[in-house]
Amino acid sequence: MRSAQRFSLAFLIALLVSTGVSAALPQADGEGKPLPSLSKMLKKVNPAVVNIATFSEQQQTLNPLLNDPFFRHFFNIPEQPRRNARPQKKQMSAGSGVIVDAEDGIVITNYHVIKQADEVRVSLVDGRHYTAKVLGSDPELDIAVLEIEGDKLSAVKLGDSEALEVGDFVVAIGNPFGLGQTVTTGVVSALERTGLGIEGYENFIQTDASINPGNSGGALVNLRGELIGINTAIIAPAGGNVGIGFAIPMDMAKASMAQILKNGEVRRGQIGVGIQDITVDLQIAFGLENGQQGVLVTHVADDSPAEEAGLEDEDIIVAVNDEPVTSTGQLRSRIGKRKIGDEVEVAVLRNGKRKVFEVKVGEPSEIAASEGASHRLLDGANFENNDEGDGVVVANLAPHSNAAYSGLRLGDVIVGANKARVKNIRDFSKALKRDNRKILLRVKRGRSAFYLVIQ
């Protein structure tokens, strides 16, 4: 047993030294024997990882019995003073964040950490605290960008998450359960995790570095102390860490942050296709090789960038810019992190032959596409033409998106929008352009029909 431990220790020391990781150079114990340590790296990174407390005003509901004179008399309760507004109570929640620009005081965190907060307070590891300004957010990616005004701040260097490989060592830093700054270590367990139903754009780094409630928005760094992910979620059947945590890759978070800093919001482009994951049944139906992965194109929107480039229904998208595509979530992430106006190489299988097309990423409002809504209030929704008659069907609702909170449900059939009849996707897109601030929809749900206002 002891020989095995010596071998493991010697292997880890050799690994840290051979990789040239200066932040993890071995230190010595009391007998002068070398020991591996991350302390030097953490001394540089820890000051840039912050705790975040949020405050919101919540209306208290008075017990209706207190308005009953007989009840007050029986229990000798004095009459309640009349107020124009009900009393309010401050609520607080804790999370984490990372300073990425020391000069301008820019902090990145999760959107769900600061969602619906009236006040956001950022606390540094040295005891200083600041009231933060929310510069903008990206709910679909679960990213928010804050600004604090402070002197002598420390920032984390941004790393390249695309260079990560399964098995790379990583360190998670955050504020679990409000305990204060905590460091845990692990490895990259998997890359490009999708289909978890956590966010609208899923492309997660999976790690076994211990992540718990309160770590949200904290840092996932490599052994060089570079920020390669923002910790965002865990799978926790028992409410605590079981070794399955997820972080948003820094390349996606960086693209989102750049748009927020420039425009105050994130505008994602589209190419104008309806898409579907390939199942075993679809592999057989389309005569694909056993195990063939990709995304099936179910619809190409008229006058969309996809149509102009030459994409067709029943094409199977297998790569974007030479990056393999195996799921709809992965494809949405590949396109979503590109700027509007960028051109991407889309590789498809058509009748068994591989073809490559140059496709321009277009403005969502100009695309009557089934891959997403053409109105900001319906971001995160996928629509398809109704095969059983007029109207468009709600085919998908991304979690935590605008559309998910709109009141629409999967399977709803929209037959009218902004007082215009809707027969198909094209009609729907034209009707939505009538009003950028709100939407009036006529919806059929089962045997009933009703109007829905979204604003």
Protein backbone atom coordinates (compact mmCIF):
# COMPACT_ATOMS: atom_id res chain seq x y z
CA MET A 1 0.00 0.00 0.00
CA ARG A 2 2.78 2.40 0.96
CA SER A 3 4.72 1.64 -2.21
CA ALA A 4 1.58 2.45 -4.23
CA GLN A 5 1.18 5.76 -2.40
CA ARG A 6 4.85 6.63 -3.06
CA PHE A 7 4.36 5.80 -6.75
CA SER A 8 1.22 7.98 -6.98
CA LEU A 9 2.96 10.90 -5.25
CA ALA A 10 6.05 10.58 -7.44
CA PHE A 11 3.86 10.38 -10.57
CA LEU A 12 1.91 13.53 -9.62
CA ILE A 13 5.10 15.45 -8.87
CA ALA A 14 6.63 14.36 -12.18
CA LEU A 15 3.41 15.36 -13.99
CA LEU A 16 3.28 18.84 -12.47
CA VAL A 17 6.99 19.50 -13.14
CA SER A 18 7.01 18.06 -16.66
CA THR A 19 4.03 20.17 -17.75
CA GLY A 20 5.87 23.34 -16.78
CA VAL A 21 3.10 24.58 -14.49
CA SER A 22 4.90 27.22 -12.46
CA ALA A 23 1.87 27.80 -10.23
CA ALA A 24 1.99 24.19 -9.07
CA LEU A 25 5.71 23.71 -8.39
CA PRO A 26 6.37 21.24 -5.53
CA GLN A 27 7.13 22.55 -2.08
CA ALA A 28 9.01 20.70 0.67
CA ASP A 29 7.78 19.08 3.86
CA GLY A 30 9.57 19.18 7.22
CA GLU A 31 12.05 16.57 6.05
CA GLY A 32 12.87 18.40 2.85
CA LYS A 33 10.89 16.03 0.65
CA PRO A 34 9.07 17.69 -2.27
CA LEU A 35 5.28 17.96 -2.13
CA PRO A 36 2.96 19.22 -4.88
CA SER A 37 0.95 22.36 -4.11
CA LEU A 38 -1.45 24.74 -5.84
CA SER A 39 -0.94 27.46 -3.24
CA LYS A 40 1.15 29.79 -5.42
CA MET A 41 -1.43 29.71 -8.20
CA LEU A 42 -4.32 30.20 -5.77
CA LYS A 43 -2.68 33.23 -4.16
CA LYS A 44 -2.97 34.91 -7.56
CA VAL A 45 -6.47 33.68 -8.41
CA ASN A 46 -8.33 33.80 -5.08
CA PRO A 47 -8.45 37.63 -4.79
CA ALA A 48 -10.36 37.72 -8.10
CA VAL A 49 -13.09 35.29 -7.02
CA VAL A 50 -15.84 37.13 -5.16
CA ASN A 51 -18.91 36.37 -3.09
CA ILE A 52 -22.21 37.80 -4.32
CA ALA A 53 -25.18 38.64 -2.11
CA THR A 54 -28.45 39.77 -3.65
CA PHE A 55 -31.32 41.63 -2.02
CA SER A 56 -34.88 41.95 -3.25
CA GLU A 57 -38.02 43.47 -1.88
CA GLN A 58 -40.78 40.92 -1.33
CA GLN A 59 -44.28 41.90 -0.35
CA GLN A 60 -45.52 40.41 2.90
CA THR A 61 -49.05 39.17 2.92
CA LEU A 62 -51.04 40.20 5.99
CA ASN A 63 -53.22 37.53 7.54
CA PRO A 64 -56.82 38.37 6.52
CA LEU A 65 -57.99 37.53 10.04
CA LEU A 66 -56.22 40.68 11.25
CA ASN A 67 -58.79 42.69 9.29
CA ASP A 68 -61.65 41.02 11.18
CA PRO A 69 -62.78 43.26 14.14
CA PHE A 70 -64.28 40.28 16.04
CA PHE A 71 -61.02 38.32 15.73
CA ARG A 72 -58.95 41.30 16.95
CA HIS A 73 -61.34 41.90 19.88
CA PHE A 74 -61.41 38.23 20.93
CA PHE A 75 -57.62 37.92 21.01
CA ASN A 76 -57.02 41.50 22.19
CA ILE A 77 -55.08 42.45 19.06
CA PRO A 78 -54.82 46.20 18.42
CA GLU A 79 -56.19 47.51 15.15
CA GLN A 80 -53.64 47.33 12.36
CA PRO A 81 -52.51 50.69 10.99
CA ARG A 82 -53.73 51.41 7.49
CA ARG A 83 -50.95 51.67 4.97
CA ASN A 84 -50.87 52.57 1.34
CA ALA A 85 -48.60 49.60 0.66
CA ARG A 86 -48.10 46.29 2.35
CA PRO A 87 -44.93 45.89 4.42
CA GLN A 88 -41.93 44.54 2.60
CA LYS A 89 -39.19 42.21 3.65
CA LYS A 90 -35.63 41.97 2.35
CA GLN A 91 -34.49 38.60 1.06
CA MET A 92 -30.88 37.59 0.47
CA SER A 93 -29.24 34.85 -1.56
CA ALA A 94 -25.57 34.00 -1.99
CA GLY A 95 -23.51 33.06 -5.01
CA SER A 96 -20.11 33.65 -6.55
CA GLY A 97 -18.48 35.67 -9.30
CA VAL A 98 -15.13 36.34 -10.96
CA ILE A 99 -13.37 39.63 -11.67
CA VAL A 100 -12.19 39.49 -15.28
CA ASP A 101 -11.14 43.14 -15.72
CA ALA A 102 -9.46 44.78 -12.72
CA GLU A 103 -9.16 48.23 -14.30
CA ASP A 104 -12.84 48.58 -15.14
CA GLY A 105 -14.14 46.43 -12.27
CA ILE A 106 -15.92 43.92 -14.52
CA VAL A 107 -17.33 40.85 -12.79
CA ILE A 108 -18.91 37.84 -14.51
CA THR A 109 -21.40 35.55 -12.77
CA ASN A 110 -24.51 33.46 -13.47
CA TYR A 111 -27.74 35.17 -14.45
CA HIS A 112 -29.71 33.04 -11.97
CA VAL A 113 -27.54 34.41 -9.14
CA ILE A 114 -28.69 38.01 -9.67
CA LYS A 115 -32.08 37.37 -11.29
CA GLN A 116 -34.83 39.71 -9.98
CA ALA A 117 -32.41 41.32 -7.51
CA ASP A 118 -32.97 44.94 -6.49
CA GLU A 119 -29.47 45.20 -5.05
CA VAL A 120 -26.30 43.20 -5.75
CA ARG A 121 -23.40 43.31 -3.31
CA VAL A 122 -19.94 41.97 -4.17
CA SER A 123 -17.54 40.97 -1.38
CA LEU A 124 -13.82 40.39 -1.89
CA VAL A 125 -11.69 37.86 -0.05
CA ASP A 126 -9.85 40.69 1.74
CA GLY A 127 -13.09 41.88 3.38
CA ARG A 128 -13.94 44.77 1.08
CA HIS A 129 -17.45 44.94 -0.36
CA TYR A 130 -19.10 47.01 -3.09
CA THR A 131 -22.56 47.60 -4.49
CA ALA A 132 -22.51 46.34 -8.06
CA LYS A 133 -24.21 47.65 -11.17
CA VAL A 134 -25.74 45.05 -13.49
CA LEU A 135 -24.50 45.91 -17.00
CA GLY A 136 -26.50 43.21 -18.74
CA SER A 137 -27.35 39.55 -18.82
CA ASP A 138 -27.76 36.56 -21.09
CA PRO A 139 -30.48 34.34 -19.57
CA GLU A 140 -30.21 31.69 -22.29
CA LEU A 141 -26.54 31.08 -21.46
CA ASP A 142 -27.05 31.96 -17.76
CA ILE A 143 -24.45 34.74 -17.78
CA ALA A 144 -24.60 38.19 -16.16
CA VAL A 145 -22.00 40.97 -16.20
CA LEU A 146 -21.55 43.34 -13.24
CA GLU A 147 -19.47 46.43 -12.60
CA ILE A 148 -17.92 47.54 -9.31
CA GLU A 149 -15.91 50.64 -8.48
CA GLY A 150 -12.86 49.69 -6.42
CA ASP A 151 -9.11 50.23 -6.27
CA LYS A 152 -6.37 47.64 -6.48
CA LEU A 153 -8.63 44.89 -7.77
CA SER A 154 -7.28 41.56 -9.04
CA ALA A 155 -8.48 39.82 -12.18
CA VAL A 156 -8.22 36.28 -13.49
CA LYS A 157 -6.55 35.71 -16.83
CA LEU A 158 -8.98 34.25 -19.39
CA GLY A 159 -8.06 30.82 -20.70
CA ASP A 160 -8.90 28.85 -23.83
CA SER A 161 -11.69 26.42 -23.01
CA GLU A 162 -11.57 24.99 -26.54
CA ALA A 163 -8.13 23.57 -25.73
CA LEU A 164 -9.48 21.51 -22.83
CA GLU A 165 -9.34 17.74 -22.94
CA VAL A 166 -11.00 15.10 -20.81
CA GLY A 167 -8.66 14.30 -17.93
CA ASP A 168 -7.19 17.82 -17.59
CA PHE A 169 -6.85 18.91 -13.96
CA VAL A 170 -9.13 21.79 -12.90
CA VAL A 171 -9.83 23.79 -9.75
CA ALA A 172 -13.24 25.14 -8.71
CA ILE A 173 -13.38 28.23 -6.50
CA GLY A 174 -16.54 29.70 -5.02
CA ASN A 175 -18.79 30.26 -2.03
CA PRO A 176 -20.62 26.97 -1.30
CA PHE A 177 -23.52 27.21 1.14
CA GLY A 178 -22.39 30.75 2.03
CA LEU A 179 -19.39 29.37 3.95
CA GLY A 180 -16.91 31.70 2.27
CA GLN A 181 -14.28 31.14 -0.38
CA THR A 182 -13.61 27.44 -0.89
CA VAL A 183 -11.25 25.59 -3.23
CA THR A 184 -11.87 22.10 -4.64
CA THR A 185 -9.96 20.12 -7.25
CA GLY A 186 -10.79 17.51 -9.86
CA VAL A 187 -10.55 16.77 -13.56
CA VAL A 188 -12.53 17.48 -16.69
CA SER A 189 -14.92 14.52 -16.75
CA ALA A 190 -16.55 15.28 -20.12
CA LEU A 191 -16.90 18.06 -22.68
CA GLU A 192 -19.81 19.51 -24.67
CA ARG A 193 -22.52 18.12 -22.43
CA THR A 194 -25.97 18.96 -23.82
CA GLY A 195 -29.57 17.87 -23.43
CA LEU A 196 -29.65 18.44 -19.67
CA GLY A 197 -32.58 20.87 -19.78
CA ILE A 198 -30.64 23.40 -17.68
CA GLU A 199 -30.20 26.33 -20.05
CA GLY A 200 -31.19 27.40 -23.55
CA TYR A 201 -27.66 27.07 -24.93
CA GLU A 202 -25.98 24.00 -23.48
CA ASN A 203 -22.37 23.06 -24.15
CA PHE A 204 -21.11 22.35 -20.65
CA ILE A 205 -17.78 21.28 -19.21
CA GLN A 206 -18.47 18.42 -16.80
CA THR A 207 -16.16 18.11 -13.80
CA ASP A 208 -15.86 16.11 -10.60
CA ALA A 209 -14.36 19.08 -8.74
CA SER A 210 -16.80 19.54 -5.88
CA ILE A 211 -19.44 22.14 -6.76
CA ASN A 212 -22.30 22.88 -4.38
CA PRO A 213 -25.12 25.44 -4.03
CA GLY A 214 -23.45 28.84 -3.71
CA ASN A 215 -20.67 27.95 -6.16
CA SER A 216 -22.84 29.27 -9.01
CA GLY A 217 -20.99 31.98 -10.91
CA GLY A 218 -17.63 30.96 -9.47
CA ALA A 219 -14.40 30.12 -11.25
CA LEU A 220 -13.24 26.92 -12.90
CA VAL A 221 -9.53 27.37 -13.61
CA ASN A 222 -6.74 25.22 -15.01
CA LEU A 223 -3.43 24.60 -13.24
CA ARG A 224 -2.02 27.79 -14.78
CA GLY A 225 -4.70 29.79 -12.98
CA GLU A 226 -6.54 30.66 -16.21
CA LEU A 227 -10.33 30.95 -16.18
CA ILE A 228 -11.72 28.23 -18.43
CA GLY A 229 -15.31 28.02 -17.15
CA ILE A 230 -18.05 29.55 -15.01
CA ASN A 231 -19.53 27.02 -12.57
CA THR A 232 -23.28 26.91 -13.04
CA ALA A 233 -25.04 23.66 -12.10
CA ILE A 234 -24.84 20.27 -10.44
CA ILE A 235 -26.70 17.01 -10.53
CA ALA A 236 -27.62 16.51 -6.89
CA PRO A 237 -30.20 13.79 -6.16
CA ALA A 238 -29.62 14.20 -2.42
CA GLY A 239 -29.20 17.99 -2.51
CA GLY A 240 -25.38 17.96 -2.30
CA ASN A 241 -22.39 17.21 -4.50
CA VAL A 242 -22.13 13.74 -6.01
CA GLY A 243 -19.20 14.47 -8.31
CA ILE A 244 -21.17 15.70 -11.32
CA GLY A 245 -20.90 19.45 -11.85
CA PHE A 246 -21.16 21.66 -14.92
CA ALA A 247 -19.47 24.86 -16.03
CA ILE A 248 -20.12 27.19 -18.96
CA PRO A 249 -17.06 27.14 -21.26
CA MET A 250 -15.18 30.41 -21.20
CA ASP A 251 -15.19 30.80 -24.98
CA MET A 252 -19.01 30.96 -24.90
CA ALA A 253 -19.12 33.18 -21.81
CA LYS A 254 -16.51 35.51 -23.33
CA ALA A 255 -18.53 35.96 -26.52
CA SER A 256 -21.63 36.74 -24.49
CA MET A 257 -19.76 39.16 -22.22
CA ALA A 258 -18.29 41.04 -25.19
CA GLN A 259 -21.78 41.73 -26.57
CA ILE A 260 -23.08 42.83 -23.18
CA LEU A 261 -20.18 45.24 -22.67
CA LYS A 262 -20.65 46.67 -26.16
CA ASN A 263 -24.44 46.69 -26.54
CA GLY A 264 -25.88 45.99 -23.09
CA GLU A 265 -27.54 42.84 -24.42
CA VAL A 266 -26.87 39.68 -26.39
CA ARG A 267 -28.24 39.24 -29.91
CA ARG A 268 -27.72 35.77 -31.33
CA GLY A 269 -27.83 35.11 -35.00
CA GLN A 270 -29.57 32.28 -36.83
CA ILE A 271 -29.11 30.56 -40.17
CA GLY A 272 -32.76 29.71 -40.75
CA VAL A 273 -33.22 25.97 -40.31
CA GLY A 274 -35.50 23.71 -38.32
CA ILE A 275 -33.51 20.89 -36.75
CA GLN A 276 -34.01 17.54 -35.05
CA ASP A 277 -31.76 15.06 -33.24
CA ILE A 278 -31.03 11.85 -35.11
CA THR A 279 -32.46 8.78 -33.40
CA VAL A 280 -31.84 5.13 -34.19
CA ASP A 281 -35.15 5.05 -36.09
CA LEU A 282 -34.09 8.04 -38.20
CA GLN A 283 -30.73 6.40 -38.93
CA ILE A 284 -32.59 3.41 -40.35
CA ALA A 285 -35.19 5.51 -42.19
CA PHE A 286 -32.53 7.63 -43.95
CA GLY A 287 -30.23 4.71 -44.65
CA LEU A 288 -27.39 6.08 -42.51
CA GLU A 289 -24.46 4.06 -41.29
CA ASN A 290 -24.87 2.51 -37.87
CA GLY A 291 -23.75 5.10 -35.31
CA GLN A 292 -23.84 8.06 -37.71
CA GLN A 293 -24.23 11.25 -35.70
CA GLY A 294 -25.41 14.69 -36.73
CA VAL A 295 -28.49 16.91 -36.84
CA LEU A 296 -31.34 16.47 -39.30
CA VAL A 297 -32.58 19.57 -41.14
CA THR A 298 -36.38 19.41 -41.05
CA HIS A 299 -37.08 22.77 -42.68
CA VAL A 300 -35.18 25.52 -44.48
CA ALA A 301 -36.82 28.92 -44.18
CA ASP A 302 -37.57 30.92 -47.31
CA ASP A 303 -35.02 33.66 -48.09
CA SER A 304 -32.88 32.60 -45.13
CA PRO A 305 -29.07 32.41 -45.12
CA ALA A 306 -29.37 28.61 -45.13
CA GLU A 307 -31.50 28.66 -48.30
CA GLU A 308 -29.20 31.16 -50.01
CA ALA A 309 -26.19 28.97 -49.19
CA GLY A 310 -27.86 25.89 -50.67
CA LEU A 311 -28.93 23.86 -47.62
CA GLU A 312 -31.97 21.64 -48.16
CA ASP A 313 -34.53 19.72 -46.15
CA GLU A 314 -33.24 16.29 -45.06
CA ASP A 315 -29.61 17.43 -45.08
CA ILE A 316 -27.72 16.07 -42.09
CA ILE A 317 -25.43 18.67 -40.50
CA VAL A 318 -22.30 16.94 -39.20
CA ALA A 319 -19.91 19.84 -38.54
CA VAL A 320 -19.61 23.62 -38.22
CA ASN A 321 -16.19 25.10 -38.96
CA ASP A 322 -14.72 21.57 -38.77
CA GLU A 323 -16.13 21.09 -35.26
CA PRO A 324 -18.30 17.93 -35.12
CA VAL A 325 -22.01 18.38 -34.42
CA THR A 326 -23.85 15.53 -32.72
CA SER A 327 -26.97 17.18 -31.25
CA THR A 328 -29.37 20.09 -31.75
CA GLY A 329 -28.09 21.72 -28.57
CA GLN A 330 -24.53 21.53 -29.83
CA LEU A 331 -25.49 23.04 -33.19
CA ARG A 332 -27.35 25.91 -31.52
CA SER A 333 -24.27 26.60 -29.38
CA ARG A 334 -21.93 26.50 -32.38
CA ILE A 335 -24.06 29.07 -34.23
CA GLY A 336 -25.08 31.03 -31.14
CA LYS A 337 -21.56 32.07 -30.21
CA ARG A 338 -20.96 33.59 -33.66
CA LYS A 339 -21.61 37.24 -34.39
CA ILE A 340 -24.38 38.31 -36.74
CA GLY A 341 -22.75 38.69 -40.16
CA ASP A 342 -20.09 36.02 -39.58
CA GLU A 343 -19.75 33.23 -42.14
CA VAL A 344 -19.51 29.62 -41.01
CA GLU A 345 -18.65 26.44 -42.88
CA VAL A 346 -21.50 23.96 -42.51
CA ALA A 347 -20.70 20.38 -43.49
CA VAL A 348 -23.66 18.14 -44.34
CA LEU A 349 -24.39 14.65 -45.57
CA ARG A 350 -26.71 14.64 -48.59
CA ASN A 351 -27.61 11.31 -50.16
CA GLY A 352 -24.57 9.80 -48.50
CA LYS A 353 -22.14 12.41 -49.84
CA ARG A 354 -20.42 15.09 -47.76
CA LYS A 355 -20.88 18.69 -48.91
CA VAL A 356 -19.66 21.95 -47.37
CA PHE A 357 -21.54 25.27 -47.57
CA GLU A 358 -20.56 28.81 -46.57
CA VAL A 359 -23.49 30.12 -44.54
CA LYS A 360 -23.88 33.66 -43.22
CA VAL A 361 -25.23 34.07 -39.68
CA GLY A 362 -28.32 36.25 -40.06
CA GLU A 363 -30.40 38.64 -38.01
CA PRO A 364 -33.17 36.70 -36.20
CA SER A 365 -35.82 39.32 -36.94
CA GLU A 366 -35.16 38.93 -40.65
CA ILE A 367 -35.48 35.14 -40.68
CA ALA A 368 -38.83 33.38 -40.71
CA ALA A 369 -37.18 30.26 -39.37
CA SER A 370 -38.49 27.31 -37.46
CA GLU A 371 -35.32 27.08 -35.41
CA GLY A 372 -36.30 30.04 -33.25
CA ALA A 373 -38.70 32.90 -32.77
CA SER A 374 -38.33 36.06 -34.81
CA HIS A 375 -39.21 38.29 -31.86
CA ARG A 376 -37.13 39.00 -28.76
CA LEU A 377 -40.07 38.15 -26.49
CA LEU A 378 -40.15 34.65 -27.98
CA ASP A 379 -36.43 33.90 -27.81
CA GLY A 380 -35.95 30.23 -27.00
CA ALA A 381 -39.01 28.94 -28.86
CA ASN A 382 -39.02 26.72 -31.93
CA PHE A 383 -42.01 26.83 -34.27
CA GLU A 384 -43.11 24.50 -37.05
CA ASN A 385 -45.85 24.71 -39.66
CA ASN A 386 -48.99 22.90 -38.54
CA ASP A 387 -49.29 19.66 -40.52
CA GLU A 388 -52.99 19.38 -39.61
CA GLY A 389 -54.09 22.77 -40.91
CA ASP A 390 -53.40 26.49 -40.61
CA GLY A 391 -51.16 27.94 -37.92
CA VAL A 392 -47.74 27.25 -36.40
CA VAL A 393 -47.02 24.76 -33.63
CA VAL A 394 -44.83 25.43 -30.59
CA ALA A 395 -42.29 22.64 -31.11
CA ASN A 396 -39.80 23.46 -28.36
CA LEU A 397 -39.32 25.84 -25.41
CA ALA A 398 -35.79 26.32 -24.08
CA PRO A 399 -35.61 26.33 -20.26
CA HIS A 400 -35.18 29.75 -18.59
CA SER A 401 -35.79 31.57 -21.89
CA ASN A 402 -38.22 34.41 -22.61
CA ALA A 403 -40.52 31.99 -24.42
CA ALA A 404 -40.53 29.55 -21.50
CA TYR A 405 -42.07 32.24 -19.28
CA SER A 406 -44.46 33.61 -21.91
CA GLY A 407 -47.43 31.37 -21.09
CA LEU A 408 -47.06 29.23 -24.21
CA ARG A 409 -46.91 25.44 -23.93
CA LEU A 410 -45.50 22.73 -26.15
CA GLY A 411 -48.06 21.73 -28.77
CA ASP A 412 -49.93 25.05 -28.74
CA VAL A 413 -51.10 26.09 -32.19
CA ILE A 414 -50.81 29.80 -32.94
CA VAL A 415 -53.46 30.85 -35.48
CA GLY A 416 -53.23 34.62 -35.07
CA ALA A 417 -50.61 37.20 -34.12
CA ASN A 418 -51.03 40.94 -33.61
CA LYS A 419 -54.57 40.77 -35.09
CA ALA A 420 -53.33 39.07 -38.28
CA ARG A 421 -54.23 35.55 -39.35
CA VAL A 422 -51.37 33.05 -39.20
CA LYS A 423 -51.36 30.22 -41.73
CA ASN A 424 -47.65 29.38 -41.67
CA ILE A 425 -44.20 30.45 -40.44
CA ARG A 426 -43.97 33.25 -43.00
CA ASP A 427 -47.28 34.80 -41.89
CA PHE A 428 -46.19 34.47 -38.26
CA SER A 429 -42.89 36.26 -38.86
CA LYS A 430 -44.57 39.13 -40.73
CA ALA A 431 -47.18 39.58 -38.00
CA LEU A 432 -44.56 39.68 -35.23
CA LYS A 433 -42.78 42.58 -36.95
CA ARG A 434 -45.81 44.82 -36.35
CA ASP A 435 -44.91 45.50 -32.71
CA ASN A 436 -41.48 45.18 -31.09
CA ARG A 437 -42.75 45.83 -27.53
CA LYS A 438 -45.57 43.32 -27.14
CA ILE A 439 -47.29 40.43 -28.87
CA LEU A 440 -50.97 39.51 -29.06
CA LEU A 441 -51.42 35.83 -29.92
CA ARG A 442 -54.53 33.77 -30.64
CA VAL A 443 -53.75 30.28 -29.44
CA LYS A 444 -55.50 26.93 -29.81
CA ARG A 445 -54.81 24.47 -27.03
CA GLY A 446 -56.66 21.20 -27.33
CA ARG A 447 -60.34 22.01 -27.81
CA SER A 448 -60.09 25.54 -26.44
CA ALA A 449 -58.90 28.83 -27.95
CA PHE A 450 -57.77 31.98 -26.19
CA TYR A 451 -55.75 35.19 -26.57
CA LEU A 452 -52.34 35.65 -24.94
CA VAL A 453 -50.57 38.98 -24.43
CA ILE A 454 -46.76 38.84 -24.07
CA GLN A 455 -44.89 42.02 -23.16
